[in-house]
Amino acid sequence: MSVKVLATSKAMSDLSVIAVHVKKYNDAATARKVVNALLDEAERLGQDHFHRIAEELDGYDGPPAREVHRWVCLAGHYELHYEVLPAYAEEPTAIAILRVWDTRQDR
């Protein structure tokens, strides 16, 4: 079963910041590859219960209940925070990508 993956405006803004940062040290093509790889990682979270493999984060207590996870990817250089919707459902209907960070940068 595949679950729909949605990116929030904050996550899209984070991807823009990452692209600008990568372009400082590489070319535009490399920045595009990094952003596309991050989007691929996000899409992968929606496949076959893959979304529950990542670490569940504290601090997102309700009400209503929230199920937020942290996925570290691309050789540990990037981190995605995402929410499973509805929280703790056996068959979720969506994954919302909340934030995307380069773990090597201050946030």
C-alpha atoms as a PDB file:
ATOM      1  CA  MET A   1       0.000   0.000   0.000  1.00  0.00           C
ATOM      2  CA  SER A   2       1.308   3.406  -0.943  1.00  0.00           C
ATOM      3  CA  VAL A   3       0.506   6.511   1.089  1.00  0.00           C
ATOM      4  CA  LYS A   4       0.271  10.022  -0.381  1.00  0.00           C
ATOM      5  CA  VAL A   5       3.274  12.211   0.580  1.00  0.00           C
ATOM      6  CA  LEU A   6       2.769  15.969   0.906  1.00  0.00           C
ATOM      7  CA  ALA A   7       5.408  18.642   1.495  1.00  0.00           C
ATOM      8  CA  THR A   8       4.526  21.621   3.689  1.00  0.00           C
ATOM      9  CA  SER A   9       5.509  25.147   2.682  1.00  0.00           C
ATOM     10  CA  LYS A  10       8.202  25.073   5.408  1.00  0.00           C
ATOM     11  CA  ALA A  11       9.676  21.898   3.913  1.00  0.00           C
ATOM     12  CA  MET A  12       9.720  23.438   0.429  1.00  0.00           C
ATOM     13  CA  SER A  13      11.398  26.542   1.853  1.00  0.00           C
ATOM     14  CA  ASP A  14      13.973  24.303   3.555  1.00  0.00           C
ATOM     15  CA  LEU A  15      14.714  22.619   0.216  1.00  0.00           C
ATOM     16  CA  SER A  16      15.319  26.037  -1.364  1.00  0.00           C
ATOM     17  CA  VAL A  17      17.768  26.928   1.409  1.00  0.00           C
ATOM     18  CA  ILE A  18      19.559  23.606   0.923  1.00  0.00           C
ATOM     19  CA  ALA A  19      19.793  24.193  -2.850  1.00  0.00           C
ATOM     20  CA  VAL A  20      21.323  27.647  -2.312  1.00  0.00           C
ATOM     21  CA  HIS A  21      23.813  26.216   0.186  1.00  0.00           C
ATOM     22  CA  VAL A  22      24.839  23.359  -2.127  1.00  0.00           C
ATOM     23  CA  LYS A  23      25.283  25.832  -5.026  1.00  0.00           C
ATOM     24  CA  LYS A  24      27.822  27.788  -2.933  1.00  0.00           C
ATOM     25  CA  TYR A  25      30.209  24.834  -3.106  1.00  0.00           C
ATOM     26  CA  ASN A  26      29.033  23.017  -6.254  1.00  0.00           C
ATOM     27  CA  ASP A  27      27.174  23.754  -9.466  1.00  0.00           C
ATOM     28  CA  ALA A  28      23.421  24.123 -10.025  1.00  0.00           C
ATOM     29  CA  ALA A  29      23.171  20.570 -11.408  1.00  0.00           C
ATOM     30  CA  THR A  30      24.539  19.143  -8.155  1.00  0.00           C
ATOM     31  CA  ALA A  31      22.092  21.241  -6.140  1.00  0.00           C
ATOM     32  CA  ARG A  32      19.219  19.884  -8.265  1.00  0.00           C
ATOM     33  CA  LYS A  33      20.455  16.314  -7.728  1.00  0.00           C
ATOM     34  CA  VAL A  34      20.528  16.797  -3.951  1.00  0.00           C
ATOM     35  CA  VAL A  35      17.024  18.302  -3.864  1.00  0.00           C
ATOM     36  CA  ASN A  36      15.679  15.546  -6.146  1.00  0.00           C
ATOM     37  CA  ALA A  37      17.318  12.879  -3.968  1.00  0.00           C
ATOM     38  CA  LEU A  38      15.655  14.400  -0.887  1.00  0.00           C
ATOM     39  CA  LEU A  39      12.288  14.422  -2.652  1.00  0.00           C
ATOM     40  CA  ASP A  40      12.841  10.765  -3.600  1.00  0.00           C
ATOM     41  CA  GLU A  41      13.568   9.954   0.062  1.00  0.00           C
ATOM     42  CA  ALA A  42      10.342  11.705   1.052  1.00  0.00           C
ATOM     43  CA  GLU A  43       8.347   9.700  -1.515  1.00  0.00           C
ATOM     44  CA  ARG A  44       9.920   6.493  -0.254  1.00  0.00           C
ATOM     45  CA  LEU A  45       8.407   7.162   3.181  1.00  0.00           C
ATOM     46  CA  GLY A  46       4.987   6.566   1.656  1.00  0.00           C
ATOM     47  CA  GLN A  47       5.788   3.036   0.501  1.00  0.00           C
ATOM     48  CA  ASP A  48       4.696  -0.159   2.292  1.00  0.00           C
ATOM     49  CA  HIS A  49       4.762   0.863   5.958  1.00  0.00           C
ATOM     50  CA  PHE A  50       8.229   2.392   5.506  1.00  0.00           C
ATOM     51  CA  HIS A  51       7.033   5.500   7.369  1.00  0.00           C
ATOM     52  CA  ARG A  52       7.184   3.793  10.771  1.00  0.00           C
ATOM     53  CA  ILE A  53      10.846   2.720  10.538  1.00  0.00           C
ATOM     54  CA  ALA A  54      12.203   6.149  11.516  1.00  0.00           C
ATOM     55  CA  GLU A  55      12.637   7.446  15.055  1.00  0.00           C
ATOM     56  CA  GLU A  56       9.464   8.847  16.609  1.00  0.00           C
ATOM     57  CA  LEU A  57       9.988  12.302  18.114  1.00  0.00           C
ATOM     58  CA  ASP A  58       8.754  13.595  21.460  1.00  0.00           C
ATOM     59  CA  GLY A  59       7.429  17.106  21.934  1.00  0.00           C
ATOM     60  CA  TYR A  60       4.512  16.882  19.543  1.00  0.00           C
ATOM     61  CA  ASP A  61       1.912  16.005  22.162  1.00  0.00           C
ATOM     62  CA  GLY A  62      -1.702  16.842  21.471  1.00  0.00           C
ATOM     63  CA  PRO A  63      -4.453  17.316  21.644  1.00  0.00           C
ATOM     64  CA  PRO A  64      -4.965  16.123  19.018  1.00  0.00           C
ATOM     65  CA  ALA A  65      -2.386  13.341  19.054  1.00  0.00           C
ATOM     66  CA  ARG A  66       0.462  13.739  16.549  1.00  0.00           C
ATOM     67  CA  GLU A  67       2.793  11.069  15.197  1.00  0.00           C
ATOM     68  CA  VAL A  68       5.995  12.827  14.109  1.00  0.00           C
ATOM     69  CA  HIS A  69       9.156  10.992  13.034  1.00  0.00           C
ATOM     70  CA  ARG A  70      12.740  11.886  12.099  1.00  0.00           C
ATOM     71  CA  TRP A  71      14.330  10.230   9.058  1.00  0.00           C
ATOM     72  CA  VAL A  72      18.104  10.675   8.578  1.00  0.00           C
ATOM     73  CA  CYS A  73      19.128  10.074   4.973  1.00  0.00           C
ATOM     74  CA  LEU A  74      21.737  10.570   2.252  1.00  0.00           C
ATOM     75  CA  ALA A  75      24.733   9.351   4.252  1.00  0.00           C
ATOM     76  CA  GLY A  76      23.481  11.082   7.401  1.00  0.00           C
ATOM     77  CA  HIS A  77      23.788  14.555   5.891  1.00  0.00           C
ATOM     78  CA  TYR A  78      20.071  15.359   5.794  1.00  0.00           C
ATOM     79  CA  GLU A  79      17.133  14.969   8.149  1.00  0.00           C
ATOM     80  CA  LEU A  80      13.417  14.920   7.343  1.00  0.00           C
ATOM     81  CA  HIS A  81      10.769  15.481  10.003  1.00  0.00           C
ATOM     82  CA  TYR A  82       7.391  14.165   8.945  1.00  0.00           C
ATOM     83  CA  GLU A  83       3.948  13.495  10.354  1.00  0.00           C
ATOM     84  CA  VAL A  84       1.867  10.374   9.766  1.00  0.00           C
ATOM     85  CA  LEU A  85      -1.799  11.274   9.202  1.00  0.00           C
ATOM     86  CA  PRO A  86      -3.994  10.356  10.946  1.00  0.00           C
ATOM     87  CA  ALA A  87      -1.771   9.698  13.955  1.00  0.00           C
ATOM     88  CA  TYR A  88      -1.263   6.048  14.903  1.00  0.00           C
ATOM     89  CA  ALA A  89      -3.748   4.801  12.311  1.00  0.00           C
ATOM     90  CA  GLU A  90      -3.175   1.250  11.135  1.00  0.00           C
ATOM     91  CA  GLU A  91      -3.656   2.458   7.546  1.00  0.00           C
ATOM     92  CA  PRO A  92      -2.516   6.109   7.328  1.00  0.00           C
ATOM     93  CA  THR A  93      -3.855   8.252   4.499  1.00  0.00           C
ATOM     94  CA  ALA A  94      -0.954  10.706   4.142  1.00  0.00           C
ATOM     95  CA  ILE A  95       2.576  11.631   5.174  1.00  0.00           C
ATOM     96  CA  ALA A  96       3.271  15.354   5.648  1.00  0.00           C
ATOM     97  CA  ILE A  97       6.917  16.395   5.327  1.00  0.00           C
ATOM     98  CA  LEU A  98       7.252  19.114   7.975  1.00  0.00           C
ATOM     99  CA  ARG A  99      10.924  20.148   7.733  1.00  0.00           C
ATOM    100  CA  VAL A 100      14.122  19.213   5.870  1.00  0.00           C
ATOM    101  CA  TRP A 101      17.555  20.069   7.274  1.00  0.00           C
ATOM    102  CA  ASP A 102      21.191  19.713   6.332  1.00  0.00           C
ATOM    103  CA  THR A 103      22.640  18.188   9.505  1.00  0.00           C
ATOM    104  CA  ARG A 104      25.969  19.936   8.875  1.00  0.00           C
ATOM    105  CA  GLN A 105      24.429  23.407   9.152  1.00  0.00           C
ATOM    106  CA  ASP A 106      23.214  25.344  12.183  1.00  0.00           C
ATOM    107  CA  ARG A 107      19.472  25.586  12.429  1.00  0.00           C
END
